[in-house]
Amino acid sequence: MKNLRIASLLPSATEIVCALGLGENLVGVTHECDFPPEVVGKPQLTKSRISHERMTSKEIDHAVRSQLDGHGSIYDLNAELLAELQPDVIITQELCEVCAVSYKTVQQAARMYVADAKVISLEPNTISDILENILFVGEVCGVAERARKVVDRLKERLEKLKEKTSKVKHRPQVFMMEWLEPPFSPGHWVPEQVEYAGGICLLGRKGQKSATITYQEIIKAKPSVLVLIPCGYYIADILNQLEKTYFPKDFLEIPAIQSDSIWLVDATSYFSRPGPRVVEGAEILAKILHPEIFGEPTKAEALRIKKEMLLTQTEKVLI
């Protein structure tokens, strides 16, 4: 498939394409595609209307809801560039309007500018779906056998995790916080990642969308471990957001916070994107939950913080 031209409108799809050895075939990617490093610098087909760097998580949530409630989009697609690149395959999704350019926009642009292109949509809700997507992309792009080998290796790693955690006597109760303000419960593949890592996922719904909840629901659940995975954020981004986030005072009384069992992880790479690295996300969680088996996570993998970092600005002044 040397001459195949692929346009990826999903960071996860970009990672899948590269895992299949087709990085050189990528002619266009999104503004968020940053892994593997060789995709940086490729023509960008999208841009965001929202500034994640300058806005708080509360402001971002409001902006997203305002756009989507008005049936708009938070992303723009450069249709002229798409026409110039003339891809044979365009990979997009219908799963989440917050994650990528809307499927309808992509379809319309494809019909107008690249009518011969094959548009495929990836709709993963579980880890099994993610693995199936890898096989699907491999089949469409003519590297089905290569895709099978990639999936087999990922399955082997998951099985090793499952085997090692199957005998643990204590499974920590974990809350994976998918957004800070307002808080979101974990959905899709994240509860499975927790299960593979040897934990119990609180308030999570496997295979379902993440959902807005209240801080009181988290308090009532009494997690012993709190992992912050706000969608699309790296560890440095989460640290920046914590300075601007106001948690209610009684939220600080949950067991995870009282015991300083608060972890920040690279959500963008290992939890938000339904690609090969979700397996690595489960492996990182296993180190957090069971260091006696898997060893401590490196600082690049996970950062443990103290409860003082979650105090309101007023309380920070008082201590």
Protein backbone atom coordinates (compact mmCIF):
# COMPACT_ATOMS: atom_id res chain seq x y z
CA MET A 1 0.00 0.00 0.00
CA LYS A 2 2.93 2.30 -0.75
CA ASN A 3 0.87 4.92 -2.60
CA LEU A 4 -2.15 4.90 -0.28
CA ARG A 5 -2.93 8.41 0.99
CA ILE A 6 -4.55 8.59 4.43
CA ALA A 7 -6.13 11.59 6.18
CA SER A 8 -6.70 11.14 9.90
CA LEU A 9 -9.24 13.36 11.65
CA LEU A 10 -8.64 11.68 15.02
CA PRO A 11 -5.49 11.62 17.16
CA SER A 12 -6.31 8.01 18.08
CA ALA A 13 -6.64 7.06 14.41
CA THR A 14 -3.28 8.68 13.72
CA GLU A 15 -1.75 6.49 16.42
CA ILE A 16 -3.42 3.39 14.99
CA VAL A 17 -2.20 4.16 11.47
CA CYS A 18 1.36 4.62 12.73
CA ALA A 19 1.20 1.46 14.87
CA LEU A 20 0.39 -0.36 11.62
CA GLY A 21 3.54 1.01 10.01
CA LEU A 22 1.69 3.44 7.74
CA GLY A 23 2.96 6.74 9.15
CA GLU A 24 4.48 7.71 5.81
CA ASN A 25 1.05 7.30 4.21
CA LEU A 26 -0.49 10.00 6.40
CA VAL A 27 -0.94 13.11 4.27
CA GLY A 28 -3.03 15.06 6.79
CA VAL A 29 -3.76 14.98 10.52
CA THR A 30 -5.52 17.04 13.19
CA HIS A 31 -4.17 19.98 15.19
CA GLU A 32 -4.06 17.65 18.23
CA CYS A 33 -2.03 14.85 16.63
CA ASP A 34 1.30 14.74 18.45
CA PHE A 35 2.13 11.03 18.69
CA PRO A 36 4.22 9.40 17.49
CA PRO A 37 6.63 12.35 17.10
CA GLU A 38 7.02 11.87 13.35
CA VAL A 39 3.45 13.08 12.71
CA VAL A 40 4.27 16.53 14.10
CA GLY A 41 4.64 18.91 11.18
CA LYS A 42 2.27 17.11 8.84
CA PRO A 43 -0.49 19.25 7.29
CA GLN A 44 -3.21 19.98 9.86
CA LEU A 45 -6.78 19.63 8.65
CA THR A 46 -8.52 20.91 11.79
CA LYS A 47 -8.41 23.64 14.40
CA SER A 48 -10.30 24.27 17.63
CA ARG A 49 -12.54 27.24 18.38
CA ILE A 50 -11.84 26.90 22.10
CA SER A 51 -8.62 27.83 23.88
CA HIS A 52 -7.80 25.05 26.33
CA GLU A 53 -4.65 26.87 27.42
CA ARG A 54 -6.30 30.09 28.64
CA MET A 55 -9.70 28.86 29.89
CA THR A 56 -10.58 27.08 33.12
CA SER A 57 -12.24 23.66 33.00
CA LYS A 58 -15.52 25.31 34.03
CA GLU A 59 -15.26 27.86 31.22
CA ILE A 60 -14.39 25.16 28.69
CA ASP A 61 -17.38 23.06 29.75
CA HIS A 62 -19.69 26.07 29.35
CA ALA A 63 -18.23 26.95 25.94
CA VAL A 64 -18.57 23.38 24.67
CA ARG A 65 -22.17 23.06 25.87
CA SER A 66 -23.08 26.43 24.34
CA GLN A 67 -21.66 25.46 20.96
CA LEU A 68 -23.20 21.99 20.87
CA ASP A 69 -26.56 23.06 22.28
CA GLY A 70 -26.75 25.51 19.39
CA HIS A 71 -26.00 22.59 17.04
CA GLY A 72 -22.63 24.05 16.20
CA SER A 73 -19.16 22.54 16.42
CA ILE A 74 -16.06 23.36 18.41
CA TYR A 75 -13.82 22.39 15.47
CA ASP A 76 -13.24 23.70 11.98
CA LEU A 77 -12.28 21.50 9.03
CA ASN A 78 -10.02 22.90 6.32
CA ALA A 79 -11.93 21.51 3.35
CA GLU A 80 -9.71 23.29 0.82
CA LEU A 81 -6.62 21.58 2.24
CA LEU A 82 -8.47 18.27 2.20
CA ALA A 83 -9.15 18.79 -1.50
CA GLU A 84 -5.50 19.64 -2.11
CA LEU A 85 -4.25 16.53 -0.28
CA GLN A 86 -6.62 14.18 -2.14
CA PRO A 87 -6.60 11.29 0.37
CA ASP A 88 -7.78 7.82 -0.60
CA VAL A 89 -8.96 7.09 2.95
CA ILE A 90 -10.39 9.53 5.51
CA ILE A 91 -10.68 8.27 9.10
CA THR A 92 -13.17 10.03 11.36
CA GLN A 93 -15.75 9.25 14.08
CA GLU A 94 -19.34 9.79 15.20
CA LEU A 95 -18.81 8.86 18.85
CA CYS A 96 -18.17 12.27 20.41
CA GLU A 97 -18.76 15.79 19.11
CA VAL A 98 -16.29 17.09 21.68
CA CYS A 99 -13.50 14.86 20.39
CA ALA A 100 -13.38 15.67 16.68
CA VAL A 101 -14.96 17.41 13.70
CA SER A 102 -18.56 16.27 13.26
CA TYR A 103 -19.12 13.27 11.01
CA LYS A 104 -21.65 15.16 8.90
CA THR A 105 -19.12 17.91 8.20
CA VAL A 106 -16.57 15.34 7.09
CA GLN A 107 -19.10 13.56 4.85
CA GLN A 108 -20.14 16.79 3.18
CA ALA A 109 -16.54 17.88 2.59
CA ALA A 110 -15.65 14.47 1.20
CA ARG A 111 -18.56 14.52 -1.25
CA MET A 112 -17.66 18.00 -2.45
CA TYR A 113 -13.88 17.79 -2.61
CA VAL A 114 -12.71 14.15 -2.60
CA ALA A 115 -15.62 12.12 -3.89
CA ASP A 116 -13.51 9.04 -4.52
CA ALA A 117 -12.16 8.88 -0.95
CA LYS A 118 -13.33 6.11 1.37
CA VAL A 119 -14.65 7.64 4.61
CA ILE A 120 -14.53 5.29 7.57
CA SER A 121 -15.89 6.02 11.03
CA LEU A 122 -14.49 4.52 14.21
CA GLU A 123 -16.97 4.09 17.08
CA PRO A 124 -15.19 2.44 20.03
CA ASN A 125 -16.95 2.15 23.38
CA THR A 126 -14.85 -0.60 24.99
CA ILE A 127 -11.32 -1.96 24.83
CA SER A 128 -12.59 -4.77 22.63
CA ASP A 129 -13.99 -2.16 20.24
CA ILE A 130 -10.63 -0.40 20.12
CA LEU A 131 -8.88 -3.63 19.17
CA GLU A 132 -11.52 -4.28 16.52
CA ASN A 133 -10.95 -0.79 15.14
CA ILE A 134 -7.25 -1.55 14.73
CA LEU A 135 -8.15 -4.65 12.75
CA PHE A 136 -10.67 -2.67 10.68
CA VAL A 137 -8.18 0.07 9.79
CA GLY A 138 -5.63 -2.60 8.93
CA GLU A 139 -8.10 -4.30 6.60
CA VAL A 140 -9.15 -1.07 4.87
CA CYS A 141 -5.53 -0.03 4.40
CA GLY A 142 -4.36 -3.40 3.13
CA VAL A 143 -2.28 -4.50 6.11
CA ALA A 144 -4.67 -6.92 7.80
CA GLU A 145 -1.98 -9.38 8.90
CA ARG A 146 0.12 -6.62 10.40
CA ALA A 147 -2.93 -5.38 12.31
CA ARG A 148 -3.58 -8.86 13.66
CA LYS A 149 -0.04 -9.00 15.08
CA VAL A 150 -0.44 -5.58 16.71
CA VAL A 151 -3.72 -6.63 18.33
CA ASP A 152 -2.30 -9.98 19.48
CA ARG A 153 0.54 -8.18 21.29
CA LEU A 154 -1.89 -5.80 22.98
CA LYS A 155 -4.07 -8.72 24.07
CA GLU A 156 -1.04 -10.50 25.54
CA ARG A 157 -0.22 -7.45 27.66
CA LEU A 158 -3.81 -7.22 28.91
CA GLU A 159 -3.83 -10.91 29.77
CA LYS A 160 -0.61 -10.53 31.77
CA LEU A 161 -2.21 -7.70 33.74
CA LYS A 162 -5.33 -9.73 34.34
CA GLU A 163 -3.33 -12.74 35.48
CA LYS A 164 -1.20 -10.75 37.93
CA THR A 165 -4.15 -8.86 39.45
CA SER A 166 -6.50 -11.85 39.63
CA LYS A 167 -4.99 -12.95 42.95
CA VAL A 168 -4.78 -9.60 44.75
CA LYS A 169 -6.61 -9.62 48.06
CA HIS A 170 -7.35 -5.91 48.14
CA ARG A 171 -8.83 -4.05 45.20
CA PRO A 172 -8.76 -0.30 45.84
CA GLN A 173 -11.92 1.67 45.16
CA VAL A 174 -10.96 4.18 42.49
CA PHE A 175 -12.62 7.26 41.12
CA MET A 176 -11.33 8.30 37.70
CA MET A 177 -12.23 11.97 37.35
CA GLU A 178 -12.76 12.71 33.65
CA TRP A 179 -13.35 16.42 34.14
CA LEU A 180 -12.67 18.75 37.06
CA GLU A 181 -15.39 21.39 37.07
CA PRO A 182 -18.05 20.14 36.78
CA PRO A 183 -16.89 16.63 37.67
CA PHE A 184 -17.48 13.83 35.18
CA SER A 185 -17.72 10.12 35.92
CA PRO A 186 -15.64 7.72 33.79
CA GLY A 187 -17.15 5.93 30.84
CA HIS A 188 -16.34 3.96 27.71
CA TRP A 189 -13.12 1.91 28.18
CA VAL A 190 -11.86 3.59 31.38
CA PRO A 191 -13.74 1.31 33.84
CA GLU A 192 -12.14 -1.66 32.07
CA GLN A 193 -8.70 -0.12 32.44
CA VAL A 194 -9.31 0.09 36.19
CA GLU A 195 -10.48 -3.52 36.32
CA TYR A 196 -7.43 -4.78 34.43
CA ALA A 197 -5.25 -2.79 36.84
CA GLY A 198 -6.77 -4.55 39.85
CA GLY A 199 -9.13 -1.87 41.09
CA ILE A 200 -12.86 -1.23 41.48
CA CYS A 201 -14.09 1.63 39.33
CA LEU A 202 -16.55 3.80 41.25
CA LEU A 203 -19.38 5.59 39.48
CA GLY A 204 -18.09 4.32 36.14
CA ARG A 205 -20.16 2.90 33.33
CA LYS A 206 -18.34 0.48 31.06
CA GLY A 207 -19.16 1.06 27.42
CA GLN A 208 -21.31 4.12 28.22
CA LYS A 209 -20.62 7.82 27.85
CA SER A 210 -18.96 9.64 30.72
CA ALA A 211 -21.48 11.82 32.50
CA THR A 212 -21.70 14.95 34.59
CA ILE A 213 -22.11 14.16 38.28
CA THR A 214 -21.93 16.14 41.51
CA TYR A 215 -19.10 16.42 44.00
CA GLN A 216 -21.54 15.04 46.57
CA GLU A 217 -21.83 11.79 44.63
CA ILE A 218 -18.07 11.39 44.73
CA ILE A 219 -18.01 12.16 48.44
CA LYS A 220 -20.71 9.56 49.06
CA ALA A 221 -18.79 6.93 47.04
CA LYS A 222 -15.73 7.35 49.32
CA PRO A 223 -12.96 6.44 46.87
CA SER A 224 -9.67 5.34 48.40
CA VAL A 225 -7.79 6.43 45.28
CA LEU A 226 -8.50 9.50 43.15
CA VAL A 227 -7.03 9.66 39.64
CA LEU A 228 -7.47 12.86 37.66
CA ILE A 229 -7.86 12.22 33.93
CA PRO A 230 -9.58 15.33 32.51
CA CYS A 231 -10.17 14.60 28.84
CA GLY A 232 -7.43 15.84 26.53
CA TYR A 233 -5.06 16.99 29.29
CA TYR A 234 -1.43 16.18 29.96
CA ILE A 235 -0.06 16.20 33.53
CA ALA A 236 1.21 19.78 33.16
CA ASP A 237 -2.24 20.88 31.96
CA ILE A 238 -3.92 19.30 34.99
CA LEU A 239 -1.51 21.05 37.35
CA ASN A 240 -2.34 24.33 35.66
CA GLN A 241 -6.08 23.69 35.94
CA LEU A 242 -5.88 22.77 39.63
CA GLU A 243 -4.73 26.30 40.39
CA LYS A 244 -7.98 27.59 38.88
CA THR A 245 -10.40 24.94 40.16
CA TYR A 246 -12.56 25.42 43.25
CA PHE A 247 -13.56 22.18 44.96
CA PRO A 248 -16.16 22.31 47.75
CA LYS A 249 -14.64 22.09 51.22
CA ASP A 250 -16.30 18.76 52.13
CA PHE A 251 -14.89 17.21 48.95
CA LEU A 252 -11.51 17.35 50.65
CA GLU A 253 -12.75 14.90 53.30
CA ILE A 254 -12.94 11.85 51.03
CA PRO A 255 -10.53 9.03 52.01
CA ALA A 256 -8.37 9.36 48.87
CA ILE A 257 -7.67 13.00 49.56
CA GLN A 258 -7.15 12.57 53.29
CA SER A 259 -4.53 9.89 52.61
CA ASP A 260 -2.92 11.89 49.77
CA SER A 261 -3.82 9.11 47.32
CA ILE A 262 -4.33 11.62 44.55
CA TRP A 263 -2.74 10.95 41.18
CA LEU A 264 -2.38 12.93 37.98
CA VAL A 265 -1.78 10.98 34.80
CA ASP A 266 -1.33 11.80 31.14
CA ALA A 267 -4.98 11.56 30.20
CA THR A 268 -4.47 12.57 26.58
CA SER A 269 -2.12 9.72 25.78
CA TYR A 270 -3.45 6.86 27.88
CA PHE A 271 -7.12 7.44 28.68
CA SER A 272 -8.78 9.93 26.31
CA ARG A 273 -7.62 8.46 23.02
CA PRO A 274 -9.05 5.08 22.02
CA GLY A 275 -5.88 3.74 20.48
CA PRO A 276 -3.10 1.25 21.27
CA ARG A 277 -1.88 3.21 24.29
CA VAL A 278 -5.00 2.50 26.37
CA VAL A 279 -3.20 -0.72 27.27
CA GLU A 280 -0.29 1.30 28.60
CA GLY A 281 -2.82 3.35 30.56
CA ALA A 282 -4.03 0.19 32.30
CA GLU A 283 -0.40 -0.76 33.04
CA ILE A 284 0.24 2.66 34.60
CA LEU A 285 -2.88 2.30 36.75
CA ALA A 286 -1.62 -1.10 37.90
CA LYS A 287 1.56 0.57 39.17
CA ILE A 288 -0.53 3.16 41.03
CA LEU A 289 -2.85 0.59 42.62
CA HIS A 290 -0.43 -2.29 43.18
CA PRO A 291 3.17 -1.05 43.35
CA GLU A 292 4.05 -4.14 45.39
CA ILE A 293 3.46 -6.18 42.22
CA PHE A 294 4.26 -3.81 39.38
CA GLY A 295 6.65 -1.31 40.94
CA GLU A 296 6.13 2.42 41.41
CA PRO A 297 5.13 4.50 38.38
CA THR A 298 7.74 6.89 37.05
CA LYS A 299 7.11 10.64 37.34
CA ALA A 300 6.50 10.73 33.60
CA GLU A 301 3.77 8.10 34.01
CA ALA A 302 1.97 9.45 37.07
CA LEU A 303 2.38 12.24 39.59
CA ARG A 304 1.18 11.90 43.17
CA ILE A 305 0.13 15.15 44.82
CA LYS A 306 -0.83 16.21 48.32
CA LYS A 307 -4.29 17.37 49.35
CA GLU A 308 -3.06 20.94 49.82
CA MET A 309 -3.07 21.29 46.02
CA LEU A 310 -6.86 20.84 46.00
CA LEU A 311 -7.60 23.51 48.59
CA THR A 312 -9.59 26.57 47.54
CA GLN A 313 -7.65 29.77 47.00
CA THR A 314 -8.95 31.19 50.31
CA GLU A 315 -7.78 28.17 52.27
CA LYS A 316 -4.39 28.27 50.56
CA VAL A 317 -3.91 31.77 51.90
CA LEU A 318 -4.79 30.67 55.43
CA ILE A 319 -2.34 27.72 55.67
